[in-house]
Amino acid sequence: MTRRAELSIASKADAKTPAAAAERAMPAALHKSAKLANVCYDIRGPVLSRAKQLEDEGHRIVKLNIGNLAPFGFEAPEEIVVDVIHNLREASGYSESKGMFAARKAIMHYTQQKKIPGVGIEDIYIGNGVSELIVMCMQALLNNGDEVLIPAPDYPLWTAAVSLSGGVPQHYVCDESADWLPDLDDIRARITPQTRALVVINPNNPTGALYPEEMLLELVEIARQHNLVVFADEIYDKTLFDGRSHTSIASLADDVLFVTMNGLSKNYRACGYRAGWMVVSGEKRHAQDYIEGLTILASMRLCSNVPGQWAIQTALGGYQSIEELIAPDGRLTRQRDLAWEMLTAIPGVSCVKPKAALYLFPRLDPARYPIRDDQKFILQLLEEEKVLVVQGSGFNWPQPDHFRVVFLPHEDDLRDAMGRIERFLGHYRKRHAG
C-alpha cells in the first residue's frame, strides 16, 4: 500500500470520530457588525432576559420596565379597533411609501391644530412606530463622526440610532433641581463644528418633564444660531397631568428645520399597531437633499403597516378618551399620585413629580444607597423581590443613582410593587449601613 493510500484511510477513520466530525462541521465564528459596538437598548436588555428566565421557572414578575399599556388593561378606543377590523380587506396591499393619503391628511390637520406652520401632505411620513422613523432620520442625516445633541437622561433609542448611523451622541444635561429642564449652558458648551442636530424629548421620557414655551424658544434660538435640525419627540403630547397643556416646538418658528415625531402608541393605547409619523416643517429650502434621503429610505422599506394606518384618521378625528385617564380622578392620575407618594416616602428616595407621560425617575441618595453598578442593583431587586425596573444608566444618565418605573398597574398591584421596592431598599440600607 502506498503512503498516500495509508494517509487517505487514516483520514477517513479520523473523520468518523465524533470530535473530528464536530471540528470539521464548525464554521468560523460569526460576529455582529462593528456598527453595533456602541448600540444598546437596556429597556429590553439583559435584566429583562433574566426576568424571562425567572418566569419560565414559575415566578410571577411585576413588570414596571416598559410603557406597554395593553397588558395593564388600557384598551385602545373601541372606534379605532372597529375601523381597523372593518378595513382589513382593504389593507392587504402596499400603501404609498409615505403612507395612506387619508391618514396623512388627518395628521396634517392635527399639525394645524398644534399651530405648526407650512405643513403639506408631502411633508408627512408614516412609519412602523416612531422607533423606525428615528432610525430613518439618523441614517439619512449622519456621516461618520457627525454629532447629535441628546438629553441626559433620554429615551435610549435616540442614542442607539445615532451610534448605529455612524454618529456621535453628545448628551446635554437636564437639571433635576429645575424640574428636569435642559441646561442651556451645557447645550451651548457641547456644540462643535460637527454638530448636526438637537433632539428635544417633550414631554420627556423618562423624567415626565414638560417644557414651558420660554425654554422651547431658547432651544429654537440655539438651533437657529448653529443651523441645527431639531428633532422633536412628542409622543406623549396628550398624556398631561394637572390641567397642563403642551406646546409643539415646531410651532414657534418657521426659519429652523424641524422633524416632529408622534403616533398612536401612548395617547391612544395602541402600541402594537405600530402607527407613528413624522412631520417635516420650518425652513426646508436648504434641506432638499436630506429630505430626498428620507424619501429614499421610506421607499426602501416599501411602506409602513397598512392596517395600523387605518387607525390614524379615526384616532385623531374622534373622541379623545385620554382626557378621561388624565382627569383629576382619572386612572393614570391616581396611579401617578400613588406611586409618587409611596416612593418618596421611602428614606433616601426623592423624585420630581411627573407632569406628563407614564414614568417616575426617582433618585437614590448615594449616602444611603452606595450603588456602584446600577444594573447589578436592579438585577438584585429582581432576584429578591421579583420586580422589574430599568436602571438610570439605561437612559444614558451618568450616575448610578436613578431608576425608572412605570405607573401603569392597577392601584392594588401598584401598592404591592411599591411595597416590594420599599422592602428591598430597607434591606439594602441595612446591608450597607456604616
Protein backbone atom coordinates (compact mmCIF):
# COMPACT_ATOMS: atom_id res chain seq x y z
CA MET A 1 0.00 0.00 0.00
CA THR A 2 1.36 3.42 -0.92
CA ARG A 3 1.93 6.14 1.67
CA ARG A 4 -0.81 8.26 0.03
CA ALA A 5 -3.32 5.42 0.38
CA GLU A 6 -2.41 4.89 4.02
CA LEU A 7 -2.96 8.60 4.79
CA SER A 8 -6.31 8.54 2.98
CA ILE A 9 -7.50 5.54 5.02
CA ALA A 10 -6.33 7.18 8.26
CA SER A 11 -8.07 10.42 7.37
CA LYS A 12 -11.36 8.62 6.69
CA ALA A 13 -11.05 6.77 10.01
CA ASP A 14 -10.44 10.03 11.91
CA ALA A 15 -13.41 11.67 10.20
CA LYS A 16 -15.70 9.03 11.65
CA THR A 17 -14.92 10.04 15.25
CA PRO A 18 -17.49 12.47 16.81
CA ALA A 19 -14.83 15.00 17.82
CA ALA A 20 -13.32 15.14 14.35
CA ALA A 21 -16.72 15.45 12.72
CA ALA A 22 -17.73 18.27 15.05
CA GLU A 23 -14.48 20.10 14.42
CA ARG A 24 -14.90 19.82 10.66
CA ALA A 25 -18.54 20.91 10.83
CA MET A 26 -17.91 24.03 12.95
CA PRO A 27 -17.69 27.15 10.74
CA ALA A 28 -15.75 30.23 11.69
CA ALA A 29 -17.39 32.35 14.41
CA LEU A 30 -19.91 34.81 13.03
CA HIS A 31 -19.68 38.18 14.78
CA LYS A 32 -22.12 41.07 14.84
CA SER A 33 -21.24 44.13 12.83
CA ALA A 34 -18.81 46.63 14.33
CA LYS A 35 -21.56 49.22 13.73
CA LEU A 36 -23.31 47.77 16.79
CA ALA A 37 -20.33 48.30 19.11
CA ASN A 38 -21.88 51.32 20.86
CA VAL A 39 -25.53 50.41 20.34
CA CYS A 40 -27.58 49.29 23.33
CA TYR A 41 -31.21 49.36 24.44
CA ASP A 42 -31.32 48.35 28.09
CA ILE A 43 -35.09 48.71 28.41
CA ARG A 44 -35.15 45.29 26.73
CA GLY A 45 -31.68 44.26 27.82
CA PRO A 46 -30.04 41.54 29.95
CA VAL A 47 -32.16 42.18 33.05
CA LEU A 48 -35.31 41.53 31.02
CA SER A 49 -33.73 38.29 29.80
CA ARG A 50 -33.22 37.22 33.40
CA ALA A 51 -36.83 38.15 34.20
CA LYS A 52 -38.00 35.85 31.41
CA GLN A 53 -35.88 33.03 32.84
CA LEU A 54 -37.49 33.53 36.25
CA GLU A 55 -40.94 33.46 34.65
CA ASP A 56 -40.04 30.19 32.93
CA GLU A 57 -39.14 28.83 36.38
CA GLY A 58 -42.64 29.70 37.63
CA HIS A 59 -42.08 33.08 39.30
CA ARG A 60 -44.51 35.96 38.86
CA ILE A 61 -42.64 39.10 37.82
CA VAL A 62 -44.08 42.55 38.46
CA LYS A 63 -43.10 44.41 35.28
CA LEU A 64 -42.54 48.12 35.75
CA ASN A 65 -39.99 48.36 32.96
CA ILE A 66 -41.82 49.42 29.82
CA GLY A 67 -44.68 51.73 28.82
CA ASN A 68 -46.73 49.00 27.17
CA LEU A 69 -50.28 49.89 28.14
CA ALA A 70 -52.38 46.94 26.93
CA PRO A 71 -51.15 44.34 29.47
CA PHE A 72 -52.32 46.65 32.27
CA GLY A 73 -55.87 46.90 30.96
CA PHE A 74 -55.58 50.14 28.99
CA GLU A 75 -57.51 49.41 25.82
CA ALA A 76 -57.33 51.22 22.51
CA PRO A 77 -60.50 53.25 21.83
CA GLU A 78 -63.26 50.99 20.51
CA GLU A 79 -63.87 53.08 17.40
CA ILE A 80 -60.24 52.62 16.36
CA VAL A 81 -60.42 48.84 16.78
CA VAL A 82 -63.69 48.69 14.82
CA ASP A 83 -62.26 50.80 11.99
CA VAL A 84 -59.15 48.64 11.68
CA ILE A 85 -61.23 45.46 11.57
CA HIS A 86 -63.67 46.96 9.08
CA ASN A 87 -60.85 47.92 6.70
CA LEU A 88 -58.74 44.77 6.93
CA ARG A 89 -59.78 43.65 3.45
CA GLU A 90 -58.57 46.99 2.11
CA ALA A 91 -55.25 46.64 3.92
CA SER A 92 -53.79 43.66 2.06
CA GLY A 93 -51.73 45.70 -0.38
CA TYR A 94 -48.95 48.23 -0.02
CA SER A 95 -49.77 51.86 0.54
CA GLU A 96 -47.75 54.78 -0.78
CA SER A 97 -44.28 54.76 0.75
CA LYS A 98 -45.02 57.84 2.84
CA GLY A 99 -48.37 56.42 3.93
CA MET A 100 -52.05 56.45 3.04
CA PHE A 101 -53.39 59.79 1.84
CA ALA A 102 -56.32 59.83 4.28
CA ALA A 103 -54.06 59.11 7.26
CA ARG A 104 -51.56 61.77 6.26
CA LYS A 105 -54.35 64.29 5.70
CA ALA A 106 -55.59 63.65 9.24
CA ILE A 107 -52.04 64.17 10.54
CA MET A 108 -51.80 67.40 8.55
CA HIS A 109 -54.97 68.66 10.21
CA TYR A 110 -53.56 67.71 13.60
CA THR A 111 -50.39 69.72 12.92
CA GLN A 112 -52.63 72.67 12.11
CA GLN A 113 -54.33 72.24 15.49
CA LYS A 114 -50.85 72.27 17.05
CA LYS A 115 -50.14 75.52 15.12
CA ILE A 116 -47.19 74.08 13.19
CA PRO A 117 -46.93 76.27 10.08
CA GLY A 118 -46.49 75.34 6.44
CA VAL A 119 -47.13 71.58 6.54
CA GLY A 120 -48.45 69.84 3.41
CA ILE A 121 -49.29 66.22 2.70
CA GLU A 122 -45.84 65.57 1.18
CA ASP A 123 -44.14 66.69 4.42
CA ILE A 124 -45.61 63.75 6.35
CA TYR A 125 -44.15 60.25 6.63
CA ILE A 126 -45.89 57.36 8.38
CA GLY A 127 -43.74 54.65 9.93
CA ASN A 128 -43.86 51.44 11.91
CA GLY A 129 -43.95 53.43 15.11
CA VAL A 130 -41.78 56.41 15.92
CA SER A 131 -38.92 53.99 16.57
CA GLU A 132 -38.50 53.18 12.88
CA LEU A 133 -38.63 56.86 11.96
CA ILE A 134 -35.94 57.83 14.48
CA VAL A 135 -33.52 55.38 12.89
CA MET A 136 -34.53 56.54 9.41
CA CYS A 137 -33.88 60.20 10.28
CA MET A 138 -30.42 59.48 11.65
CA GLN A 139 -29.42 57.27 8.72
CA ALA A 140 -30.46 59.93 6.24
CA LEU A 141 -28.61 62.72 8.07
CA LEU A 142 -25.36 61.49 9.57
CA ASN A 143 -21.93 60.80 8.21
CA ASN A 144 -19.28 59.12 10.36
CA GLY A 145 -18.27 61.44 13.18
CA ASP A 146 -21.24 63.80 12.94
CA GLU A 147 -22.62 64.75 16.34
CA VAL A 148 -26.17 64.96 17.70
CA LEU A 149 -27.18 66.68 20.95
CA ILE A 150 -29.39 64.35 23.01
CA PRO A 151 -30.75 64.94 26.52
CA ALA A 152 -29.46 63.04 29.53
CA PRO A 153 -31.48 61.21 30.60
CA ASP A 154 -33.00 60.26 27.26
CA TYR A 155 -35.18 57.71 25.57
CA PRO A 156 -32.26 55.42 24.66
CA LEU A 157 -33.32 54.68 21.09
CA TRP A 158 -32.15 58.17 20.14
CA THR A 159 -28.64 57.43 21.35
CA ALA A 160 -28.65 53.97 19.77
CA ALA A 161 -29.86 55.30 16.41
CA VAL A 162 -27.14 57.96 16.30
CA SER A 163 -24.45 55.40 17.07
CA LEU A 164 -25.84 52.89 14.55
CA SER A 165 -25.75 55.58 11.87
CA GLY A 166 -22.08 56.35 12.47
CA GLY A 167 -22.73 59.47 14.52
CA VAL A 168 -21.54 60.51 17.96
CA PRO A 169 -24.16 61.16 20.67
CA GLN A 170 -23.41 64.23 22.77
CA HIS A 171 -25.54 64.17 25.90
CA TYR A 172 -26.58 67.50 27.35
CA VAL A 173 -27.65 67.61 30.99
CA CYS A 174 -31.21 68.05 32.14
CA ASP A 175 -31.30 69.61 35.61
CA GLU A 176 -33.16 67.58 38.21
CA SER A 177 -33.22 70.56 40.60
CA ALA A 178 -35.02 72.58 37.91
CA ASP A 179 -37.78 70.04 37.20
CA TRP A 180 -35.52 68.23 34.72
CA LEU A 181 -35.39 71.13 32.25
CA PRO A 182 -32.44 71.24 29.81
CA ASP A 183 -29.32 73.07 30.93
CA LEU A 184 -28.93 75.63 28.15
CA ASP A 185 -25.33 76.47 29.01
CA ASP A 186 -24.42 72.80 28.84
CA ILE A 187 -26.03 72.52 25.40
CA ARG A 188 -24.06 75.52 24.12
CA ALA A 189 -20.82 74.17 25.54
CA ARG A 190 -21.23 70.90 23.65
CA ILE A 191 -21.74 72.38 20.18
CA THR A 192 -18.85 71.79 17.78
CA PRO A 193 -18.36 72.15 14.02
CA GLN A 194 -19.53 68.53 13.75
CA THR A 195 -22.89 69.14 15.48
CA ARG A 196 -25.79 68.48 13.10
CA ALA A 197 -28.92 68.25 15.22
CA LEU A 198 -30.64 68.83 18.55
CA VAL A 199 -33.05 66.25 19.99
CA VAL A 200 -35.86 67.58 22.21
CA ILE A 201 -37.99 64.97 24.03
CA ASN A 202 -41.05 66.85 25.27
CA PRO A 203 -42.96 65.60 27.19
CA ASN A 204 -39.95 63.77 28.48
CA ASN A 205 -39.34 60.06 28.89
CA PRO A 206 -38.06 59.06 31.46
CA THR A 207 -38.46 62.13 33.70
CA GLY A 208 -42.04 63.24 32.99
CA ALA A 209 -40.86 66.83 32.46
CA LEU A 210 -42.92 69.22 30.37
CA TYR A 211 -41.06 72.16 28.83
CA PRO A 212 -42.55 75.65 29.06
CA GLU A 213 -42.67 77.84 25.97
CA GLU A 214 -39.84 80.04 27.28
CA MET A 215 -37.49 77.05 27.36
CA LEU A 216 -38.57 75.91 23.89
CA LEU A 217 -37.87 79.38 22.47
CA GLU A 218 -34.35 79.24 23.93
CA LEU A 219 -33.80 75.85 22.28
CA VAL A 220 -35.06 77.18 18.96
CA GLU A 221 -32.63 80.09 19.18
CA ILE A 222 -29.70 77.72 19.77
CA ALA A 223 -30.75 75.68 16.73
CA ARG A 224 -31.12 78.86 14.66
CA GLN A 225 -27.69 80.19 15.59
CA HIS A 226 -25.93 76.93 14.77
CA ASN A 227 -28.04 75.74 11.82
CA LEU A 228 -29.16 72.58 13.61
CA VAL A 229 -32.04 70.29 12.70
CA VAL A 230 -34.46 70.00 15.63
CA PHE A 231 -35.87 66.51 16.17
CA ALA A 232 -38.93 66.81 18.41
CA ASP A 233 -40.16 63.62 20.10
CA GLU A 234 -43.73 64.46 21.17
CA ILE A 235 -45.28 61.00 21.53
CA TYR A 236 -46.78 61.93 24.95
CA ASP A 237 -48.22 65.30 23.91
CA LYS A 238 -51.70 64.43 25.23
CA THR A 239 -50.65 62.49 28.34
CA LEU A 240 -50.51 65.57 30.56
CA PHE A 241 -51.48 65.96 34.21
CA ASP A 242 -52.97 68.66 36.42
CA GLY A 243 -54.60 70.58 33.57
CA ARG A 244 -51.33 71.32 31.75
CA SER A 245 -51.00 71.96 28.02
CA HIS A 246 -48.29 71.11 25.52
CA THR A 247 -46.58 73.41 23.01
CA SER A 248 -45.00 71.90 19.91
CA ILE A 249 -41.56 73.39 19.45
CA ALA A 250 -42.14 73.44 15.67
CA SER A 251 -44.98 75.91 16.19
CA LEU A 252 -42.56 78.57 17.42
CA ALA A 253 -40.53 79.26 14.27
CA ASP A 254 -40.57 78.86 10.50
CA ASP A 255 -36.86 79.57 9.88
CA VAL A 256 -35.47 76.39 11.53
CA LEU A 257 -35.83 72.84 10.17
CA PHE A 258 -37.99 70.68 12.44
CA VAL A 259 -38.85 67.00 12.29
CA THR A 260 -41.68 66.30 14.73
CA MET A 261 -42.48 62.74 15.86
CA ASN A 262 -45.79 61.43 17.16
CA GLY A 263 -48.02 58.36 16.98
CA LEU A 264 -50.80 56.22 18.39
CA SER A 265 -48.85 54.09 20.86
CA LYS A 266 -49.26 56.12 24.05
CA ASN A 267 -52.09 58.66 23.78
CA TYR A 268 -54.31 56.06 22.07
CA ARG A 269 -53.01 52.95 23.91
CA ALA A 270 -52.19 51.24 20.60
CA CYS A 271 -48.53 50.24 20.97
CA GLY A 272 -48.96 47.10 18.90
CA TYR A 273 -50.46 48.89 15.92
CA ARG A 274 -47.02 50.38 15.14
CA ALA A 275 -48.51 53.56 13.75
CA GLY A 276 -46.23 56.57 14.09
CA TRP A 277 -45.46 59.59 11.95
CA MET A 278 -43.01 62.40 11.43
CA VAL A 279 -43.69 65.88 10.07
CA VAL A 280 -41.02 67.95 8.32
CA SER A 281 -41.63 71.67 8.80
CA GLY A 282 -39.95 75.07 9.01
CA GLU A 283 -37.05 76.07 6.77
CA LYS A 284 -36.80 73.33 4.15
CA ARG A 285 -35.18 75.09 1.20
CA HIS A 286 -31.63 74.22 2.25
CA ALA A 287 -32.60 70.67 3.22
CA GLN A 288 -33.96 69.25 -0.03
CA ASP A 289 -31.14 66.72 -0.33
CA TYR A 290 -31.75 65.50 3.23
CA ILE A 291 -35.50 65.26 2.60
CA GLU A 292 -34.77 63.25 -0.54
CA GLY A 293 -32.75 60.91 1.66
CA LEU A 294 -35.76 60.44 3.95
CA THR A 295 -37.92 59.64 0.93
CA ILE A 296 -35.38 57.11 -0.37
CA LEU A 297 -35.32 55.30 2.99
CA ALA A 298 -39.12 55.36 3.20
CA SER A 299 -39.30 53.80 -0.25
CA MET A 300 -36.72 51.13 0.56
CA ARG A 301 -38.97 49.69 3.27
CA LEU A 302 -41.93 49.93 0.82
CA CYS A 303 -44.44 51.23 3.35
CA SER A 304 -45.44 51.01 6.98
CA ASN A 305 -48.00 48.61 8.40
CA VAL A 306 -51.20 49.33 6.47
CA PRO A 307 -53.78 48.00 9.00
CA GLY A 308 -52.29 50.33 11.60
CA GLN A 309 -52.55 53.27 9.21
CA TRP A 310 -56.31 52.77 9.03
CA ALA A 311 -56.49 53.69 12.73
CA ILE A 312 -54.90 57.13 12.37
CA GLN A 313 -57.74 59.13 10.84
CA THR A 314 -60.29 57.75 13.29
CA ALA A 315 -57.98 58.29 16.26
CA LEU A 316 -57.09 61.90 15.51
CA GLY A 317 -60.60 62.88 14.46
CA GLY A 318 -62.55 61.01 17.14
CA TYR A 319 -63.28 61.33 20.84
CA GLN A 320 -60.05 61.87 22.81
CA SER A 321 -60.57 59.32 25.59
CA ILE A 322 -57.10 60.02 27.02
CA GLU A 323 -58.75 63.01 28.71
CA GLU A 324 -60.68 60.67 31.00
CA LEU A 325 -57.46 58.97 32.10
CA ILE A 326 -55.62 62.21 32.92
CA ALA A 327 -58.54 63.95 34.65
CA PRO A 328 -58.05 64.71 38.37
CA ASP A 329 -59.83 61.45 39.25
CA GLY A 330 -58.65 59.57 36.15
CA ARG A 331 -56.85 56.26 36.38
CA LEU A 332 -53.45 57.49 35.20
CA THR A 333 -53.55 60.49 37.55
CA ARG A 334 -54.47 58.34 40.56
CA GLN A 335 -51.75 55.84 39.80
CA ARG A 336 -49.13 58.55 39.25
CA ASP A 337 -50.00 60.10 42.60
CA LEU A 338 -49.98 56.78 44.43
CA ALA A 339 -46.64 55.62 43.04
CA TRP A 340 -45.01 59.00 43.64
CA GLU A 341 -46.28 59.24 47.22
CA MET A 342 -45.17 55.72 48.12
CA LEU A 343 -41.72 56.07 46.54
CA THR A 344 -40.94 59.46 48.06
CA ALA A 345 -41.98 58.19 51.50
CA ILE A 346 -39.05 55.74 51.43
CA PRO A 347 -36.00 57.08 53.30
CA GLY A 348 -33.36 58.39 50.91
CA VAL A 349 -35.64 58.41 47.84
CA SER A 350 -36.62 61.64 46.09
CA CYS A 351 -38.48 62.17 42.84
CA VAL A 352 -39.62 65.12 40.77
CA LYS A 353 -43.36 64.60 40.34
CA PRO A 354 -44.00 63.96 36.64
CA LYS A 355 -46.10 66.49 34.79
CA ALA A 356 -46.62 64.17 31.80
CA ALA A 357 -46.00 60.70 30.31
CA LEU A 358 -46.11 57.36 32.15
CA TYR A 359 -42.97 57.21 34.28
CA LEU A 360 -41.25 58.08 37.54
CA PHE A 361 -37.48 58.59 37.62
CA PRO A 362 -36.59 58.52 41.34
CA ARG A 363 -33.18 59.35 42.79
CA LEU A 364 -31.49 57.24 45.46
CA ASP A 365 -29.38 59.22 47.93
CA PRO A 366 -25.82 57.88 47.47
CA ALA A 367 -25.13 58.32 51.18
CA ARG A 368 -27.79 55.72 51.94
CA TYR A 369 -27.55 53.66 48.78
CA PRO A 370 -23.86 53.38 47.77
CA ILE A 371 -24.50 51.87 44.35
CA ARG A 372 -21.55 51.28 42.04
CA ASP A 373 -23.27 49.33 39.28
CA ASP A 374 -26.94 50.21 38.83
CA GLN A 375 -27.62 47.28 36.52
CA LYS A 376 -26.46 44.87 39.22
CA PHE A 377 -28.59 46.82 41.68
CA ILE A 378 -31.82 46.37 39.72
CA LEU A 379 -30.91 42.75 38.99
CA GLN A 380 -30.67 42.23 42.74
CA LEU A 381 -34.12 43.84 43.13
CA LEU A 382 -35.44 41.44 40.51
CA GLU A 383 -33.92 38.37 42.19
CA GLU A 384 -35.09 39.29 45.70
CA GLU A 385 -38.49 40.87 45.12
CA LYS A 386 -39.39 39.83 41.54
CA VAL A 387 -39.89 43.45 40.48
CA LEU A 388 -38.53 44.53 37.10
CA VAL A 389 -37.46 48.17 36.61
CA VAL A 390 -34.82 49.87 34.41
CA GLN A 391 -31.58 51.34 35.71
CA GLY A 392 -30.84 55.02 35.15
CA SER A 393 -27.75 54.29 33.08
CA GLY A 394 -30.08 52.62 30.57
CA PHE A 395 -31.29 56.15 29.80
CA ASN A 396 -27.74 57.47 29.50
CA TRP A 397 -27.79 59.07 32.92
CA PRO A 398 -24.14 59.20 34.04
CA GLN A 399 -24.52 58.40 37.75
CA PRO A 400 -25.70 55.06 39.24
CA ASP A 401 -28.34 56.73 41.40
CA HIS A 402 -31.63 56.60 39.46
CA PHE A 403 -34.07 54.07 38.09
CA ARG A 404 -37.27 54.28 36.08
CA VAL A 405 -40.64 52.74 36.87
CA VAL A 406 -43.94 52.86 35.01
CA PHE A 407 -47.08 53.60 37.00
CA LEU A 408 -49.38 51.54 34.77
CA PRO A 409 -50.50 48.67 37.07
CA HIS A 410 -53.87 48.95 38.83
CA GLU A 411 -53.68 50.60 42.24
CA ASP A 412 -53.65 47.39 44.29
CA ASP A 413 -50.88 45.94 42.12
CA LEU A 414 -49.03 49.23 42.28
CA ARG A 415 -49.19 49.25 46.08
CA ASP A 416 -47.79 45.74 46.10
CA ALA A 417 -44.97 46.71 43.73
CA MET A 418 -44.03 49.86 45.65
CA GLY A 419 -44.13 47.85 48.87
CA ARG A 420 -41.69 45.34 47.42
CA ILE A 421 -39.35 48.13 46.34
CA GLU A 422 -39.58 49.68 49.81
CA ARG A 423 -38.75 46.34 51.45
CA PHE A 424 -35.78 45.77 49.16
CA LEU A 425 -34.41 49.26 49.77
CA GLY A 426 -34.80 48.79 53.52
CA HIS A 427 -32.73 45.61 53.39
CA TYR A 428 -30.19 47.34 51.14
CA ARG A 429 -29.74 50.20 53.62
CA LYS A 430 -29.18 47.77 56.47
CA ARG A 431 -26.61 45.78 54.49
CA HIS A 432 -24.68 48.94 53.70
CA ALA A 433 -25.13 50.84 56.98
CA GLY A 434 -21.97 52.30 58.44
